[in-house]
Amino acid sequence: MSPLALVVTVFLACAVEAVEAVTIVLAAGTGRHWPSALKGAGAALIGLVVVVGALGPAVAQIPLGALRSVVGSLLLVFGLQWLRKAVLRASGWKAQRDETTAFAAGVAAAREAPQARRGAVRDWYAFTVAFKGVALEGLEVAFIVVTFGGSQHDVPLAAAAAAAAVAVVAGVGLAVRAPLARVPENTLKFAVGTLLTSFGLFWAAEGARVSWPGSDAALLVLVPAVALLALAYTRILRLAAVRAADPPPATAPKEVHR
């Protein structure tokens, strides 16, 4: 994988997770107390930096063949989960995620929760909600950074791409103080799921000592093939959803003449 491909893949994947995390922080800050929410988000980010700093060098020490087998398998599972959700949402079998609705629900829940102060944190509820949201979504970011960066022996570059994605999404979110409802999240998930699945297949096969025709150039065929297969499933499921929503009219029983 070229450095540019590594940066683009990690940036897109982390941007998807950042949208959901920023929505949670915005809800906690808007509905409760901004300084406490930002402290919670900052504490979670510090913890994630420690996780990446600890796991990155350790992953880089694993032999390349074994590393690609493990990373490829994990990326394949992870990517297929994203791709499955994107296909189901695009075909109508699963509701689209609405960041505006999620934001409104988060604000309503925050306003109803009781006030509580702990130490230097004025609003413990806002702190914990922001911390949990950033930590949970951030763990997936850390996974992407460690797996992609470790497999390419360039964790710093992957971490820089992830940091750029988080900074861009967080900057936009804080600037407008509103959910990022216009971000085509399902389209991003479809694209990222396709990339993760393709790289997972590629590295898992390489770890099993399969030689791809053209080496890395095989990805130029593998990625479009996975995307076309996912689009075909989307089309099939969309047609099935239409048929399920609009069943054929029942035919009247034939009159029996005697």
Protein backbone atom coordinates (compact mmCIF):
# COMPACT_ATOMS: atom_id res chain seq x y z
CA MET A 1 0.00 0.00 0.00
CA SER A 2 1.32 3.41 -0.91
CA PRO A 3 1.55 6.15 1.74
CA LEU A 4 -1.23 8.07 -0.02
CA ALA A 5 -3.56 5.06 0.03
CA LEU A 6 -2.79 4.54 3.72
CA VAL A 7 -3.59 8.16 4.54
CA VAL A 8 -6.83 8.24 2.52
CA THR A 9 -8.13 4.94 3.94
CA VAL A 10 -7.36 5.81 7.55
CA PHE A 11 -8.69 9.37 7.14
CA LEU A 12 -12.06 8.22 5.74
CA ALA A 13 -12.52 5.45 8.28
CA CYS A 14 -11.70 7.71 11.21
CA ALA A 15 -13.90 10.52 9.87
CA VAL A 16 -16.94 8.24 10.07
CA GLU A 17 -16.24 7.44 13.72
CA ALA A 18 -15.49 11.08 14.48
CA VAL A 19 -18.92 12.20 13.22
CA GLU A 20 -20.68 10.00 15.78
CA ALA A 21 -18.33 11.00 18.60
CA VAL A 22 -18.68 14.72 17.84
CA THR A 23 -22.47 14.41 17.85
CA ILE A 24 -22.33 12.95 21.37
CA VAL A 25 -19.98 15.68 22.63
CA LEU A 26 -22.13 18.40 21.06
CA ALA A 27 -25.23 16.99 22.74
CA ALA A 28 -23.51 16.85 26.14
CA GLY A 29 -22.13 20.37 25.77
CA THR A 30 -25.32 21.93 24.43
CA GLY A 31 -27.64 20.23 26.90
CA ARG A 32 -25.38 20.55 29.97
CA HIS A 33 -22.00 22.20 30.42
CA TRP A 34 -19.47 22.79 27.64
CA PRO A 35 -16.26 22.86 29.75
CA SER A 36 -17.17 19.54 31.41
CA ALA A 37 -18.01 17.91 28.08
CA LEU A 38 -14.75 19.10 26.54
CA LYS A 39 -12.80 17.83 29.57
CA GLY A 40 -14.41 14.40 29.13
CA ALA A 41 -13.59 14.33 25.43
CA GLY A 42 -10.01 15.44 26.14
CA ALA A 43 -9.51 12.76 28.80
CA ALA A 44 -10.73 10.08 26.37
CA LEU A 45 -8.39 11.35 23.63
CA ILE A 46 -5.41 11.22 26.00
CA GLY A 47 -6.27 7.63 26.87
CA LEU A 48 -6.52 6.69 23.20
CA VAL A 49 -3.14 8.27 22.45
CA VAL A 50 -1.65 6.11 25.21
CA VAL A 51 -3.31 2.99 23.73
CA VAL A 52 -1.96 3.69 20.24
CA GLY A 53 1.48 4.56 21.62
CA ALA A 54 1.62 1.30 23.56
CA LEU A 55 0.22 -1.04 20.92
CA GLY A 56 1.83 0.49 17.83
CA PRO A 57 5.44 -0.51 18.54
CA ALA A 58 4.33 -3.93 19.84
CA VAL A 59 2.39 -4.69 16.65
CA ALA A 60 5.34 -3.59 14.52
CA GLN A 61 7.50 -6.31 16.13
CA ILE A 62 5.26 -9.14 14.92
CA PRO A 63 6.62 -11.02 11.86
CA LEU A 64 5.09 -9.61 8.68
CA GLY A 65 3.43 -12.87 7.56
CA ALA A 66 1.72 -13.50 10.89
CA LEU A 67 0.83 -9.82 11.22
CA ARG A 68 -0.89 -9.72 7.85
CA SER A 69 -2.85 -12.90 8.65
CA VAL A 70 -4.12 -11.48 11.94
CA VAL A 71 -4.68 -7.93 10.67
CA GLY A 72 -6.27 -9.17 7.45
CA SER A 73 -8.72 -11.37 9.34
CA LEU A 74 -9.64 -8.56 11.75
CA LEU A 75 -10.08 -6.03 8.95
CA LEU A 76 -12.21 -8.51 7.02
CA VAL A 77 -14.58 -8.99 9.95
CA PHE A 78 -14.60 -5.27 10.75
CA GLY A 79 -15.11 -4.23 7.11
CA LEU A 80 -17.89 -6.74 6.49
CA GLN A 81 -19.77 -5.38 9.51
CA TRP A 82 -19.58 -1.83 8.14
CA LEU A 83 -20.46 -2.98 4.62
CA ARG A 84 -23.42 -5.03 5.88
CA LYS A 85 -24.88 -2.04 7.74
CA ALA A 86 -24.33 0.25 4.75
CA VAL A 87 -26.01 -2.22 2.37
CA LEU A 88 -28.98 -2.75 4.68
CA ARG A 89 -29.46 1.00 5.13
CA ALA A 90 -29.09 1.77 1.44
CA SER A 91 -31.58 -0.98 0.53
CA GLY A 92 -34.19 0.13 3.07
CA TRP A 93 -33.98 -2.85 5.42
CA LYS A 94 -32.32 -0.79 8.16
CA ALA A 95 -33.14 2.78 9.16
CA GLN A 96 -30.61 5.45 8.16
CA ARG A 97 -28.72 6.99 11.05
CA ASP A 98 -30.01 10.52 11.59
CA GLU A 99 -27.45 12.70 13.36
CA THR A 100 -30.07 15.42 13.94
CA THR A 101 -32.35 12.97 15.76
CA ALA A 102 -29.44 11.52 17.73
CA PHE A 103 -28.34 15.03 18.70
CA ALA A 104 -31.86 16.03 19.83
CA ALA A 105 -32.25 12.84 21.86
CA GLY A 106 -28.86 13.39 23.51
CA VAL A 107 -29.71 16.99 24.42
CA ALA A 108 -33.08 15.96 25.88
CA ALA A 109 -31.51 13.21 27.98
CA ALA A 110 -28.78 15.57 29.18
CA ARG A 111 -31.24 18.22 30.32
CA GLU A 112 -33.29 15.70 32.31
CA ALA A 113 -30.28 14.22 34.19
CA PRO A 114 -29.55 15.52 37.74
CA GLN A 115 -26.64 17.88 38.43
CA ALA A 116 -23.53 16.48 40.15
CA ARG A 117 -20.04 17.92 40.69
CA ARG A 118 -16.90 15.85 41.25
CA GLY A 119 -13.59 17.54 41.95
CA ALA A 120 -12.60 19.91 39.19
CA VAL A 121 -15.46 18.70 36.98
CA ARG A 122 -18.51 20.89 37.47
CA ASP A 123 -20.94 18.62 35.59
CA TRP A 124 -20.07 14.95 35.98
CA TYR A 125 -22.89 13.83 33.66
CA ALA A 126 -21.59 15.90 30.72
CA PHE A 127 -18.05 14.71 31.44
CA THR A 128 -18.94 10.99 31.51
CA VAL A 129 -21.23 11.12 28.46
CA ALA A 130 -18.55 12.86 26.38
CA PHE A 131 -15.83 10.57 27.74
CA LYS A 132 -17.74 7.37 26.95
CA GLY A 133 -18.76 8.56 23.49
CA VAL A 134 -15.25 9.55 22.47
CA ALA A 135 -13.68 6.49 24.10
CA LEU A 136 -16.02 3.98 22.42
CA GLU A 137 -15.80 5.52 18.97
CA GLY A 138 -12.11 6.24 19.51
CA LEU A 139 -11.30 2.60 20.20
CA GLU A 140 -12.32 1.82 16.64
CA VAL A 141 -10.10 4.67 15.46
CA ALA A 142 -7.21 3.23 17.49
CA PHE A 143 -7.87 -0.20 15.98
CA ILE A 144 -7.73 1.23 12.46
CA VAL A 145 -4.54 3.17 13.20
CA VAL A 146 -2.75 0.23 14.80
CA THR A 147 -3.78 -2.36 12.19
CA PHE A 148 -3.18 -0.29 9.07
CA GLY A 149 -0.14 1.50 10.46
CA GLY A 150 1.36 -1.67 11.93
CA SER A 151 0.89 -3.71 8.77
CA GLN A 152 2.70 -1.00 6.78
CA HIS A 153 5.24 -0.35 9.56
CA ASP A 154 4.18 3.29 9.59
CA VAL A 155 2.00 3.86 12.66
CA PRO A 156 2.97 7.58 12.89
CA LEU A 157 1.60 8.25 9.38
CA ALA A 158 -1.63 6.39 10.16
CA ALA A 159 -1.93 8.25 13.47
CA ALA A 160 -1.41 11.58 11.67
CA ALA A 161 -4.18 10.74 9.18
CA ALA A 162 -6.52 9.80 12.04
CA ALA A 163 -5.68 12.97 13.95
CA ALA A 164 -6.38 15.04 10.83
CA ALA A 165 -9.78 13.38 10.36
CA VAL A 166 -10.75 13.94 13.99
CA ALA A 167 -9.53 17.56 13.88
CA VAL A 168 -11.48 18.36 10.69
CA VAL A 169 -14.75 16.80 11.90
CA ALA A 170 -14.42 18.24 15.42
CA GLY A 171 -13.53 21.68 14.06
CA VAL A 172 -16.58 21.77 11.80
CA GLY A 173 -18.84 20.47 14.55
CA LEU A 174 -17.67 22.97 17.15
CA ALA A 175 -17.78 25.82 14.65
CA VAL A 176 -21.43 25.29 13.76
CA ARG A 177 -22.43 23.87 17.17
CA ALA A 178 -24.83 21.50 15.42
CA PRO A 179 -24.92 17.84 14.35
CA LEU A 180 -23.15 17.00 11.13
CA ALA A 181 -26.40 15.88 9.50
CA ARG A 182 -25.25 16.77 5.98
CA VAL A 183 -22.30 14.38 6.09
CA PRO A 184 -23.23 11.38 3.87
CA GLU A 185 -22.36 8.93 6.64
CA ASN A 186 -23.81 5.84 4.97
CA THR A 187 -21.93 6.59 1.75
CA LEU A 188 -18.72 6.96 3.77
CA LYS A 189 -19.44 3.71 5.59
CA PHE A 190 -20.04 1.96 2.28
CA ALA A 191 -16.74 3.26 0.89
CA VAL A 192 -14.75 2.51 4.03
CA GLY A 193 -16.38 -0.91 4.44
CA THR A 194 -15.39 -1.71 0.86
CA LEU A 195 -11.79 -0.65 1.49
CA LEU A 196 -11.49 -2.52 4.79
CA THR A 197 -13.00 -5.68 3.31
CA SER A 198 -10.74 -5.51 0.27
CA PHE A 199 -7.56 -4.95 2.29
CA GLY A 200 -8.66 -7.64 4.73
CA LEU A 201 -9.03 -10.16 1.92
CA PHE A 202 -5.72 -9.07 0.40
CA TRP A 203 -3.64 -9.26 3.59
CA ALA A 204 -5.29 -12.41 4.95
CA ALA A 205 -4.51 -14.20 1.69
CA GLU A 206 -0.95 -12.87 1.67
CA GLY A 207 -0.52 -14.07 5.26
CA ALA A 208 -1.59 -17.52 4.05
CA ARG A 209 1.18 -17.27 1.41
CA VAL A 210 -1.11 -16.60 -1.53
CA SER A 211 0.61 -14.68 -4.32
CA TRP A 212 -1.69 -12.10 -5.87
CA PRO A 213 -1.23 -11.47 -9.62
CA GLY A 214 0.52 -8.15 -9.95
CA SER A 215 1.18 -7.93 -6.21
CA ASP A 216 -0.30 -4.67 -4.80
CA ALA A 217 -1.80 -3.87 -8.21
CA ALA A 218 -4.35 -6.63 -7.54
CA LEU A 219 -6.09 -4.20 -5.20
CA LEU A 220 -7.07 -2.14 -8.25
CA VAL A 221 -9.27 -5.08 -9.25
CA LEU A 222 -10.20 -6.34 -5.78
CA VAL A 223 -11.62 -3.04 -4.47
CA PRO A 224 -13.99 -2.44 -7.43
CA ALA A 225 -15.03 -6.11 -7.35
CA VAL A 226 -16.05 -5.88 -3.67
CA ALA A 227 -17.86 -2.58 -4.34
CA LEU A 228 -19.79 -4.02 -7.30
CA LEU A 229 -20.77 -7.09 -5.29
CA ALA A 230 -22.03 -4.90 -2.45
CA LEU A 231 -23.96 -2.71 -4.91
CA ALA A 232 -25.52 -5.81 -6.45
CA TYR A 233 -26.67 -7.01 -3.02
CA THR A 234 -28.03 -3.51 -2.34
CA ARG A 235 -30.07 -3.64 -5.54
CA ILE A 236 -31.40 -7.13 -4.82
CA LEU A 237 -32.37 -6.24 -1.25
CA ARG A 238 -33.98 -2.95 -2.34
CA LEU A 239 -36.21 -4.82 -4.80
CA ALA A 240 -37.08 -7.31 -2.07
CA ALA A 241 -37.95 -4.43 0.28
CA VAL A 242 -40.25 -2.90 -2.34
CA ARG A 243 -42.02 -6.22 -2.86
CA ALA A 244 -42.38 -6.69 0.89
CA ALA A 245 -43.85 -3.20 1.34
CA ASP A 246 -46.25 -3.53 -1.58
CA PRO A 247 -47.59 -7.09 -1.70
CA PRO A 248 -49.65 -8.11 -4.74
CA PRO A 249 -53.42 -7.71 -4.33
CA ALA A 250 -55.28 -10.81 -3.27
CA THR A 251 -57.26 -12.39 -6.08
CA ALA A 252 -60.94 -12.95 -5.55
CA PRO A 253 -62.02 -16.56 -5.36
CA LYS A 254 -63.44 -17.91 -8.57
CA GLU A 255 -67.17 -18.39 -8.66
CA VAL A 256 -68.16 -22.01 -8.92
CA HIS A 257 -70.98 -22.65 -11.41
CA ARG A 258 -73.17 -25.57 -10.79
